[in-house]
Amino acid sequence: LVEISPDCSAMVPRVLVNMIVFLDNHREAEGIFRISGTNRRLKILRTSICQQRIANDPLRPVNPHDVACLLKHFFRDVPGYLLTKECLSDMMTAAGRYNS
């Protein structure tokens, strides 16, 4: 995400970028988006993020399944659409760079 748009930090919450980078560094985890995190750990992680205790941390001591689950919850809870017609051209460009 940062490689595609260096100024994305102005548009994307830092904690979201951290979660994506963390998951990218833990790609080897089996079933990363299939296996759910535990409710207790998710609650602790969500509370820590909401209280901005780990907003700029790289999330090292966290289970990758918990981070993936929290990321899914984030996108599920976003009101409205993330990808609008206005963003389509930029998204297609970004997808082309990623697939190259």
PDB file of N, CA and C in Angstrom:
ATOM      1  N   LEU A   1       0.833  -1.194   0.000  1.00  0.00           N
ATOM      2  CA  LEU A   1       0.000   0.000   0.000  1.00  0.00           C
ATOM      3  C   LEU A   1       0.871   1.247   0.000  1.00  0.00           C
ATOM      4  N   VAL A   2       1.884   1.261   0.856  1.00  0.00           N
ATOM      5  CA  VAL A   2       2.768   2.422   0.913  1.00  0.00           C
ATOM      6  C   VAL A   2       3.601   2.515  -0.351  1.00  0.00           C
ATOM      7  N   GLU A   3       3.988   1.361  -0.937  1.00  0.00           N
ATOM      8  CA  GLU A   3       4.770   1.378  -2.159  1.00  0.00           C
ATOM      9  C   GLU A   3       3.964   1.958  -3.321  1.00  0.00           C
ATOM     10  N   ILE A   4       2.671   1.697  -3.339  1.00  0.00           N
ATOM     11  CA  ILE A   4       1.827   2.178  -4.423  1.00  0.00           C
ATOM     12  C   ILE A   4       1.595   3.676  -4.294  1.00  0.00           C
ATOM     13  N   SER A   5       1.357   4.132  -3.078  1.00  0.00           N
ATOM     14  CA  SER A   5       1.060   5.544  -2.859  1.00  0.00           C
ATOM     15  C   SER A   5       1.798   6.032  -1.627  1.00  0.00           C
ATOM     16  N   PRO A   6       2.957   6.683  -1.802  1.00  0.00           N
ATOM     17  CA  PRO A   6       3.740   7.132  -0.648  1.00  0.00           C
ATOM     18  C   PRO A   6       2.983   8.083   0.264  1.00  0.00           C
ATOM     19  N   ASP A   7       2.004   8.805  -0.277  1.00  0.00           N
ATOM     20  CA  ASP A   7       1.263   9.741   0.557  1.00  0.00           C
ATOM     21  C   ASP A   7      -0.020   9.128   1.117  1.00  0.00           C
ATOM     22  N   CYS A   8      -0.131   7.790   1.084  1.00  0.00           N
ATOM     23  CA  CYS A   8      -1.357   7.144   1.542  1.00  0.00           C
ATOM     24  C   CYS A   8      -1.565   7.308   3.041  1.00  0.00           C
ATOM     25  N   SER A   9      -0.510   7.643   3.773  1.00  0.00           N
ATOM     26  CA  SER A   9      -0.669   7.807   5.216  1.00  0.00           C
ATOM     27  C   SER A   9      -1.646   8.927   5.547  1.00  0.00           C
ATOM     28  N   ALA A  10      -1.834   9.854   4.614  1.00  0.00           N
ATOM     29  CA  ALA A  10      -2.795  10.928   4.845  1.00  0.00           C
ATOM     30  C   ALA A  10      -4.225  10.419   4.699  1.00  0.00           C
ATOM     31  N   MET A  11      -4.423   9.298   3.988  1.00  0.00           N
ATOM     32  CA  MET A  11      -5.759   8.794   3.729  1.00  0.00           C
ATOM     33  C   MET A  11      -6.080   7.517   4.500  1.00  0.00           C
ATOM     34  N   VAL A  12      -5.063   6.770   4.866  1.00  0.00           N
ATOM     35  CA  VAL A  12      -5.260   5.470   5.505  1.00  0.00           C
ATOM     36  C   VAL A  12      -4.779   5.557   6.951  1.00  0.00           C
ATOM     37  N   PRO A  13      -5.621   5.153   7.898  1.00  0.00           N
ATOM     38  CA  PRO A  13      -5.175   5.179   9.297  1.00  0.00           C
ATOM     39  C   PRO A  13      -3.892   4.373   9.481  1.00  0.00           C
ATOM     40  N   ARG A  14      -2.972   4.913  10.249  1.00  0.00           N
ATOM     41  CA  ARG A  14      -1.660   4.280  10.455  1.00  0.00           C
ATOM     42  C   ARG A  14      -1.799   2.854  10.988  1.00  0.00           C
ATOM     43  N   VAL A  15      -2.745   2.645  11.889  1.00  0.00           N
ATOM     44  CA  VAL A  15      -2.917   1.309  12.459  1.00  0.00           C
ATOM     45  C   VAL A  15      -3.354   0.316  11.380  1.00  0.00           C
ATOM     46  N   LEU A  16      -4.120   0.768  10.407  1.00  0.00           N
ATOM     47  CA  LEU A  16      -4.535  -0.104   9.310  1.00  0.00           C
ATOM     48  C   LEU A  16      -3.333  -0.490   8.456  1.00  0.00           C
ATOM     49  N   VAL A  17      -2.494   0.482   8.161  1.00  0.00           N
ATOM     50  CA  VAL A  17      -1.263   0.203   7.407  1.00  0.00           C
ATOM     51  C   VAL A  17      -0.395  -0.780   8.196  1.00  0.00           C
ATOM     52  N   ASN A  18      -0.277  -0.579   9.519  1.00  0.00           N
ATOM     53  CA  ASN A  18       0.513  -1.485  10.360  1.00  0.00           C
ATOM     54  C   ASN A  18      -0.036  -2.906  10.314  1.00  0.00           C
ATOM     55  N   MET A  19      -1.358  -3.042  10.339  1.00  0.00           N
ATOM     56  CA  MET A  19      -1.948  -4.387  10.289  1.00  0.00           C
ATOM     57  C   MET A  19      -1.649  -5.069   8.962  1.00  0.00           C
ATOM     58  N   ILE A  20      -1.742  -4.313   7.873  1.00  0.00           N
ATOM     59  CA  ILE A  20      -1.472  -4.886   6.553  1.00  0.00           C
ATOM     60  C   ILE A  20      -0.007  -5.293   6.426  1.00  0.00           C
ATOM     61  N   VAL A  21       0.893  -4.442   6.892  1.00  0.00           N
ATOM     62  CA  VAL A  21       2.324  -4.767   6.858  1.00  0.00           C
ATOM     63  C   VAL A  21       2.602  -5.982   7.734  1.00  0.00           C
ATOM     64  N   PHE A  22       1.987  -6.033   8.914  1.00  0.00           N
ATOM     65  CA  PHE A  22       2.160  -7.172   9.818  1.00  0.00           C
ATOM     66  C   PHE A  22       1.711  -8.461   9.140  1.00  0.00           C
ATOM     67  N   LEU A  23       0.542  -8.441   8.510  1.00  0.00           N
ATOM     68  CA  LEU A  23       0.041  -9.647   7.837  1.00  0.00           C
ATOM     69  C   LEU A  23       0.918 -10.026   6.657  1.00  0.00           C
ATOM     70  N   ASP A  24       1.436  -9.044   5.958  1.00  0.00           N
ATOM     71  CA  ASP A  24       2.345  -9.326   4.851  1.00  0.00           C
ATOM     72  C   ASP A  24       3.607 -10.026   5.351  1.00  0.00           C
ATOM     73  N   ASN A  25       4.059  -9.655   6.541  1.00  0.00           N
ATOM     74  CA  ASN A  25       5.247 -10.280   7.123  1.00  0.00           C
ATOM     75  C   ASN A  25       4.957 -11.652   7.738  1.00  0.00           C
ATOM     76  N   HIS A  26       3.673 -12.011   7.841  1.00  0.00           N
ATOM     77  CA  HIS A  26       3.286 -13.302   8.418  1.00  0.00           C
ATOM     78  C   HIS A  26       2.473 -14.130   7.425  1.00  0.00           C
ATOM     79  N   ARG A  27       2.818 -14.016   6.156  1.00  0.00           N
ATOM     80  CA  ARG A  27       2.104 -14.744   5.106  1.00  0.00           C
ATOM     81  C   ARG A  27       2.158 -16.251   5.281  1.00  0.00           C
ATOM     82  N   GLU A  28       3.180 -16.727   5.963  1.00  0.00           N
ATOM     83  CA  GLU A  28       3.345 -18.173   6.122  1.00  0.00           C
ATOM     84  C   GLU A  28       2.364 -18.779   7.116  1.00  0.00           C
ATOM     85  N   ALA A  29       1.662 -17.946   7.868  1.00  0.00           N
ATOM     86  CA  ALA A  29       0.685 -18.457   8.845  1.00  0.00           C
ATOM     87  C   ALA A  29      -0.434 -19.184   8.103  1.00  0.00           C
ATOM     88  N   GLU A  30      -0.716 -20.387   8.533  1.00  0.00           N
ATOM     89  CA  GLU A  30      -1.730 -21.203   7.876  1.00  0.00           C
ATOM     90  C   GLU A  30      -3.128 -20.617   8.088  1.00  0.00           C
ATOM     91  N   GLY A  31      -3.887 -20.507   7.007  1.00  0.00           N
ATOM     92  CA  GLY A  31      -5.271 -20.067   7.082  1.00  0.00           C
ATOM     93  C   GLY A  31      -5.449 -18.700   7.712  1.00  0.00           C
ATOM     94  N   ILE A  32      -4.596 -17.764   7.335  1.00  0.00           N
ATOM     95  CA  ILE A  32      -4.551 -16.484   8.037  1.00  0.00           C
ATOM     96  C   ILE A  32      -5.896 -15.754   8.045  1.00  0.00           C
ATOM     97  N   PHE A  33      -6.677 -15.855   6.979  1.00  0.00           N
ATOM     98  CA  PHE A  33      -7.992 -15.216   6.969  1.00  0.00           C
ATOM     99  C   PHE A  33      -9.121 -16.225   7.198  1.00  0.00           C
ATOM    100  N   ARG A  34      -8.780 -17.480   7.277  1.00  0.00           N
ATOM    101  CA  ARG A  34      -9.776 -18.524   7.490  1.00  0.00           C
ATOM    102  C   ARG A  34      -9.939 -18.855   8.963  1.00  0.00           C
ATOM    103  N   ILE A  35      -8.830 -18.925   9.688  1.00  0.00           N
ATOM    104  CA  ILE A  35      -8.854 -19.269  11.109  1.00  0.00           C
ATOM    105  C   ILE A  35      -9.116 -18.003  11.916  1.00  0.00           C
ATOM    106  N   SER A  36     -10.148 -18.049  12.741  1.00  0.00           N
ATOM    107  CA  SER A  36     -10.508 -16.875  13.539  1.00  0.00           C
ATOM    108  C   SER A  36      -9.574 -16.693  14.722  1.00  0.00           C
ATOM    109  N   GLY A  37      -9.436 -15.450  15.132  1.00  0.00           N
ATOM    110  CA  GLY A  37      -8.735 -15.149  16.367  1.00  0.00           C
ATOM    111  C   GLY A  37      -9.655 -15.441  17.544  1.00  0.00           C
ATOM    112  N   THR A  38      -9.099 -15.442  18.733  1.00  0.00           N
ATOM    113  CA  THR A  38      -9.934 -15.684  19.914  1.00  0.00           C
ATOM    114  C   THR A  38     -10.596 -14.383  20.348  1.00  0.00           C
ATOM    115  N   ASN A  39     -11.817 -14.500  20.853  1.00  0.00           N
ATOM    116  CA  ASN A  39     -12.567 -13.311  21.271  1.00  0.00           C
ATOM    117  C   ASN A  39     -11.838 -12.514  22.346  1.00  0.00           C
ATOM    118  N   ARG A  40     -11.232 -13.211  23.288  1.00  0.00           N
ATOM    119  CA  ARG A  40     -10.527 -12.524  24.381  1.00  0.00           C
ATOM    120  C   ARG A  40      -9.367 -11.696  23.840  1.00  0.00           C
ATOM    121  N   ARG A  41      -8.549 -12.294  22.977  1.00  0.00           N
ATOM    122  CA  ARG A  41      -7.397 -11.566  22.419  1.00  0.00           C
ATOM    123  C   ARG A  41      -7.851 -10.449  21.482  1.00  0.00           C
ATOM    124  N   LEU A  42      -8.932 -10.689  20.726  1.00  0.00           N
ATOM    125  CA  LEU A  42      -9.457  -9.642  19.847  1.00  0.00           C
ATOM    126  C   LEU A  42      -9.931  -8.437  20.644  1.00  0.00           C
ATOM    127  N   LYS A  43     -10.592  -8.707  21.757  1.00  0.00           N
ATOM    128  CA  LYS A  43     -11.072  -7.615  22.602  1.00  0.00           C
ATOM    129  C   LYS A  43      -9.909  -6.801  23.147  1.00  0.00           C
ATOM    130  N   ILE A  44      -8.858  -7.487  23.592  1.00  0.00           N
ATOM    131  CA  ILE A  44      -7.663  -6.806  24.107  1.00  0.00           C
ATOM    132  C   ILE A  44      -6.998  -5.989  23.004  1.00  0.00           C
ATOM    133  N   LEU A  45      -6.858  -6.580  21.821  1.00  0.00           N
ATOM    134  CA  LEU A  45      -6.222  -5.891  20.699  1.00  0.00           C
ATOM    135  C   LEU A  45      -7.041  -4.671  20.281  1.00  0.00           C
ATOM    136  N   ARG A  46      -8.346  -4.835  20.167  1.00  0.00           N
ATOM    137  CA  ARG A  46      -9.215  -3.724  19.770  1.00  0.00           C
ATOM    138  C   ARG A  46      -9.163  -2.593  20.795  1.00  0.00           C
ATOM    139  N   THR A  47      -9.201  -2.952  22.078  1.00  0.00           N
ATOM    140  CA  THR A  47      -9.132  -1.947  23.139  1.00  0.00           C
ATOM    141  C   THR A  47      -7.806  -1.198  23.088  1.00  0.00           C
ATOM    142  N   SER A  48      -6.724  -1.923  22.882  1.00  0.00           N
ATOM    143  CA  SER A  48      -5.396  -1.295  22.800  1.00  0.00           C
ATOM    144  C   SER A  48      -5.321  -0.323  21.637  1.00  0.00           C
ATOM    145  N   ILE A  49      -5.892  -0.716  20.507  1.00  0.00           N
ATOM    146  CA  ILE A  49      -5.875   0.158  19.335  1.00  0.00           C
ATOM    147  C   ILE A  49      -6.755   1.376  19.576  1.00  0.00           C
ATOM    148  N   CYS A  50      -7.940   1.163  20.122  1.00  0.00           N
ATOM    149  CA  CYS A  50      -8.861   2.280  20.381  1.00  0.00           C
ATOM    150  C   CYS A  50      -8.275   3.279  21.372  1.00  0.00           C
ATOM    151  N   GLN A  51      -7.509   2.779  22.321  1.00  0.00           N
ATOM    152  CA  GLN A  51      -6.882   3.664  23.303  1.00  0.00           C
ATOM    153  C   GLN A  51      -5.545   4.196  22.801  1.00  0.00           C
ATOM    154  N   GLN A  52      -5.221   3.890  21.562  1.00  0.00           N
ATOM    155  CA  GLN A  52      -4.010   4.345  20.886  1.00  0.00           C
ATOM    156  C   GLN A  52      -2.733   3.936  21.608  1.00  0.00           C
ATOM    157  N   ARG A  53      -2.804   2.828  22.319  1.00  0.00           N
ATOM    158  CA  ARG A  53      -1.594   2.348  22.987  1.00  0.00           C
ATOM    159  C   ARG A  53      -0.649   1.694  22.007  1.00  0.00           C
ATOM    160  N   ILE A  54      -1.181   1.125  20.919  1.00  0.00           N
ATOM    161  CA  ILE A  54      -0.304   0.453  19.956  1.00  0.00           C
ATOM    162  C   ILE A  54      -0.514   0.978  18.540  1.00  0.00           C
ATOM    163  N   ALA A  55      -1.045   2.191  18.414  1.00  0.00           N
ATOM    164  CA  ALA A  55      -1.363   2.731  17.093  1.00  0.00           C
ATOM    165  C   ALA A  55      -0.150   2.807  16.177  1.00  0.00           C
ATOM    166  N   ASN A  56       1.017   3.058  16.725  1.00  0.00           N
ATOM    167  CA  ASN A  56       2.207   3.167  15.888  1.00  0.00           C
ATOM    168  C   ASN A  56       3.173   2.006  16.072  1.00  0.00           C
ATOM    169  N   ASP A  57       2.778   1.009  16.827  1.00  0.00           N
ATOM    170  CA  ASP A  57       3.628  -0.154  17.023  1.00  0.00           C
ATOM    171  C   ASP A  57       3.496  -1.101  15.840  1.00  0.00           C
ATOM    172  N   PRO A  58       4.516  -1.917  15.590  1.00  0.00           N
ATOM    173  CA  PRO A  58       4.452  -2.864  14.478  1.00  0.00           C
ATOM    174  C   PRO A  58       3.661  -4.129  14.799  1.00  0.00           C
ATOM    175  N   LEU A  59       2.995  -4.200  15.940  1.00  0.00           N
ATOM    176  CA  LEU A  59       2.138  -5.327  16.315  1.00  0.00           C
ATOM    177  C   LEU A  59       2.903  -6.644  16.399  1.00  0.00           C
ATOM    178  N   ARG A  60       4.135  -6.626  16.826  1.00  0.00           N
ATOM    179  CA  ARG A  60       4.951  -7.838  16.869  1.00  0.00           C
ATOM    180  C   ARG A  60       4.435  -8.933  17.809  1.00  0.00           C
ATOM    181  N   PRO A  61       3.987  -8.620  19.022  1.00  0.00           N
ATOM    182  CA  PRO A  61       3.623  -9.707  19.922  1.00  0.00           C
ATOM    183  C   PRO A  61       2.202 -10.242  19.703  1.00  0.00           C
ATOM    184  N   VAL A  62       1.599  -9.946  18.573  1.00  0.00           N
ATOM    185  CA  VAL A  62       0.206 -10.289  18.333  1.00  0.00           C
ATOM    186  C   VAL A  62       0.103 -11.492  17.401  1.00  0.00           C
ATOM    187  N   ASN A  63      -0.902 -12.323  17.639  1.00  0.00           N
ATOM    188  CA  ASN A  63      -1.174 -13.483  16.801  1.00  0.00           C
ATOM    189  C   ASN A  63      -1.683 -13.011  15.432  1.00  0.00           C
ATOM    190  N   PRO A  64      -1.129 -13.515  14.328  1.00  0.00           N
ATOM    191  CA  PRO A  64      -1.557 -13.076  12.995  1.00  0.00           C
ATOM    192  C   PRO A  64      -3.040 -13.326  12.724  1.00  0.00           C
ATOM    193  N   HIS A  65      -3.592 -14.398  13.288  1.00  0.00           N
ATOM    194  CA  HIS A  65      -5.012 -14.678  13.083  1.00  0.00           C
ATOM    195  C   HIS A  65      -5.883 -13.612  13.759  1.00  0.00           C
ATOM    196  N   ASP A  66      -5.417 -13.095  14.890  1.00  0.00           N
ATOM    197  CA  ASP A  66      -6.148 -12.024  15.571  1.00  0.00           C
ATOM    198  C   ASP A  66      -6.134 -10.752  14.734  1.00  0.00           C
ATOM    199  N   VAL A  67      -4.987 -10.435  14.166  1.00  0.00           N
ATOM    200  CA  VAL A  67      -4.859  -9.229  13.340  1.00  0.00           C
ATOM    201  C   VAL A  67      -5.728  -9.364  12.092  1.00  0.00           C
ATOM    202  N   ALA A  68      -5.693 -10.526  11.446  1.00  0.00           N
ATOM    203  CA  ALA A  68      -6.504 -10.743  10.250  1.00  0.00           C
ATOM    204  C   ALA A  68      -7.994 -10.642  10.575  1.00  0.00           C
ATOM    205  N   CYS A  69      -8.389 -11.203  11.697  1.00  0.00           N
ATOM    206  CA  CYS A  69      -9.788 -11.146  12.115  1.00  0.00           C
ATOM    207  C   CYS A  69     -10.209  -9.707  12.402  1.00  0.00           C
ATOM    208  N   LEU A  70      -9.364  -8.959  13.064  1.00  0.00           N
ATOM    209  CA  LEU A  70      -9.664  -7.563  13.360  1.00  0.00           C
ATOM    210  C   LEU A  70      -9.741  -6.737  12.075  1.00  0.00           C
ATOM    211  N   LEU A  71      -8.871  -7.037  11.131  1.00  0.00           N
ATOM    212  CA  LEU A  71      -8.902  -6.344   9.839  1.00  0.00           C
ATOM    213  C   LEU A  71     -10.214  -6.642   9.109  1.00  0.00           C
ATOM    214  N   LYS A  72     -10.652  -7.895   9.146  1.00  0.00           N
ATOM    215  CA  LYS A  72     -11.935  -8.249   8.535  1.00  0.00           C
ATOM    216  C   LYS A  72     -13.085  -7.511   9.213  1.00  0.00           C
ATOM    217  N   HIS A  73     -13.044  -7.422  10.536  1.00  0.00           N
ATOM    218  CA  HIS A  73     -14.072  -6.690  11.279  1.00  0.00           C
ATOM    219  C   HIS A  73     -14.072  -5.218  10.879  1.00  0.00           C
ATOM    220  N   PHE A  74     -12.886  -4.641  10.733  1.00  0.00           N
ATOM    221  CA  PHE A  74     -12.771  -3.234  10.347  1.00  0.00           C
ATOM    222  C   PHE A  74     -13.477  -2.988   9.014  1.00  0.00           C
ATOM    223  N   PHE A  75     -13.155  -3.805   8.015  1.00  0.00           N
ATOM    224  CA  PHE A  75     -13.751  -3.605   6.698  1.00  0.00           C
ATOM    225  C   PHE A  75     -15.244  -3.922   6.697  1.00  0.00           C
ATOM    226  N   ARG A  76     -15.648  -4.863   7.502  1.00  0.00           N
ATOM    227  CA  ARG A  76     -17.066  -5.206   7.597  1.00  0.00           C
ATOM    228  C   ARG A  76     -17.870  -4.067   8.233  1.00  0.00           C
ATOM    229  N   ASP A  77     -17.255  -3.342   9.174  1.00  0.00           N
ATOM    230  CA  ASP A  77     -17.950  -2.292   9.915  1.00  0.00           C
ATOM    231  C   ASP A  77     -17.910  -0.916   9.253  1.00  0.00           C
ATOM    232  N   VAL A  78     -17.147  -0.776   8.177  1.00  0.00           N
ATOM    233  CA  VAL A  78     -17.052   0.522   7.502  1.00  0.00           C
ATOM    234  C   VAL A  78     -18.397   0.840   6.851  1.00  0.00           C
ATOM    235  N   PRO A  79     -18.953   2.008   7.176  1.00  0.00           N
ATOM    236  CA  PRO A  79     -20.227   2.368   6.539  1.00  0.00           C
ATOM    237  C   PRO A  79     -20.005   2.762   5.084  1.00  0.00           C
ATOM    238  N   GLY A  80     -20.923   2.417   4.241  1.00  0.00           N
ATOM    239  CA  GLY A  80     -20.822   2.797   2.833  1.00  0.00           C
ATOM    240  C   GLY A  80     -19.853   1.911   2.066  1.00  0.00           C
ATOM    241  N   TYR A  81     -19.407   2.406   0.934  1.00  0.00           N
ATOM    242  CA  TYR A  81     -18.514   1.661   0.051  1.00  0.00           C
ATOM    243  C   TYR A  81     -17.082   2.158   0.183  1.00  0.00           C
ATOM    244  N   LEU A  82     -16.154   1.241   0.146  1.00  0.00           N
ATOM    245  CA  LEU A  82     -14.741   1.622   0.160  1.00  0.00           C
ATOM    246  C   LEU A  82     -14.267   2.009  -1.232  1.00  0.00           C
ATOM    247  N   LEU A  83     -14.724   1.283  -2.224  1.00  0.00           N
ATOM    248  CA  LEU A  83     -14.298   1.531  -3.593  1.00  0.00           C
ATOM    249  C   LEU A  83     -15.450   2.170  -4.364  1.00  0.00           C
ATOM    250  N   THR A  84     -15.268   3.409  -4.719  1.00  0.00           N
ATOM    251  CA  THR A  84     -16.286   4.140  -5.463  1.00  0.00           C
ATOM    252  C   THR A  84     -15.867   4.254  -6.926  1.00  0.00           C
ATOM    253  N   LYS A  85     -16.760   4.721  -7.754  1.00  0.00           N
ATOM    254  CA  LYS A  85     -16.448   4.907  -9.178  1.00  0.00           C
ATOM    255  C   LYS A  85     -15.268   5.851  -9.368  1.00  0.00           C
ATOM    256  N   GLU A  86     -15.162   6.842  -8.472  1.00  0.00           N
ATOM    257  CA  GLU A  86     -14.076   7.811  -8.567  1.00  0.00           C
ATOM    258  C   GLU A  86     -12.714   7.154  -8.329  1.00  0.00           C
ATOM    259  N   CYS A  87     -12.685   6.072  -7.569  1.00  0.00           N
ATOM    260  CA  CYS A  87     -11.431   5.384  -7.231  1.00  0.00           C
ATOM    261  C   CYS A  87     -11.089   4.259  -8.197  1.00  0.00           C
ATOM    262  N   LEU A  88     -12.010   3.888  -9.062  1.00  0.00           N
ATOM    263  CA  LEU A  88     -11.826   2.705  -9.906  1.00  0.00           C
ATOM    264  C   LEU A  88     -10.550   2.759 -10.737  1.00  0.00           C
ATOM    265  N   SER A  89     -10.300   3.877 -11.383  1.00  0.00           N
ATOM    266  CA  SER A  89      -9.117   3.997 -12.232  1.00  0.00           C
ATOM    267  C   SER A  89      -7.831   3.820 -11.420  1.00  0.00           C
ATOM    268  N   ASP A  90      -7.755   4.474 -10.260  1.00  0.00           N
ATOM    269  CA  ASP A  90      -6.572   4.349  -9.402  1.00  0.00           C
ATOM    270  C   ASP A  90      -6.400   2.923  -8.896  1.00  0.00           C
ATOM    271  N   MET A  91      -7.509   2.272  -8.552  1.00  0.00           N
ATOM    272  CA  MET A  91      -7.429   0.895  -8.052  1.00  0.00           C
ATOM    273  C   MET A  91      -6.953  -0.054  -9.144  1.00  0.00           C
ATOM    274  N   MET A  92      -7.416   0.147 -10.367  1.00  0.00           N
ATOM    275  CA  MET A  92      -6.978  -0.696 -11.483  1.00  0.00           C
ATOM    276  C   MET A  92      -5.488  -0.497 -11.750  1.00  0.00           C
ATOM    277  N   THR A  93      -5.013   0.732 -11.633  1.00  0.00           N
ATOM    278  CA  THR A  93      -3.588   1.014 -11.794  1.00  0.00           C
ATOM    279  C   THR A  93      -2.789   0.318 -10.713  1.00  0.00           C
ATOM    280  N   ALA A  94      -3.266   0.421  -9.470  1.00  0.00           N
ATOM    281  CA  ALA A  94      -2.577  -0.213  -8.343  1.00  0.00           C
ATOM    282  C   ALA A  94      -2.565  -1.719  -8.512  1.00  0.00           C
ATOM    283  N   ALA A  95      -3.668  -2.295  -8.925  1.00  0.00           N
ATOM    284  CA  ALA A  95      -3.748  -3.753  -9.128  1.00  0.00           C
ATOM    285  C   ALA A  95      -2.786  -4.180 -10.228  1.00  0.00           C
ATOM    286  N   GLY A  96      -2.663  -3.380 -11.268  1.00  0.00           N
ATOM    287  CA  GLY A  96      -1.734  -3.700 -12.349  1.00  0.00           C
ATOM    288  C   GLY A  96      -0.289  -3.687 -11.888  1.00  0.00           C
ATOM    289  N   ARG A  97       0.052  -2.761 -11.010  1.00  0.00           N
ATOM    290  CA  ARG A  97       1.422  -2.702 -10.457  1.00  0.00           C
ATOM    291  C   ARG A  97       1.687  -3.895  -9.579  1.00  0.00           C
ATOM    292  N   TYR A  98       0.693  -4.300  -8.813  1.00  0.00           N
ATOM    293  CA  TYR A  98       0.875  -5.434  -7.889  1.00  0.00           C
ATOM    294  C   TYR A  98       1.024  -6.736  -8.665  1.00  0.00           C
ATOM    295  N   ASN A  99       0.281  -6.901  -9.743  1.00  0.00           N
ATOM    296  CA  ASN A  99       0.309  -8.143 -10.508  1.00  0.00           C
ATOM    297  C   ASN A  99       1.489  -8.225 -11.463  1.00  0.00           C
ATOM    298  N   SER A 100       2.200  -7.129 -11.659  1.00  0.00           N
ATOM    299  CA  SER A 100       3.337  -7.125 -12.593  1.00  0.00           C
ATOM    300  C   SER A 100       4.529  -7.850 -12.021  1.00  0.00           C
TER     301      SER A 100
END
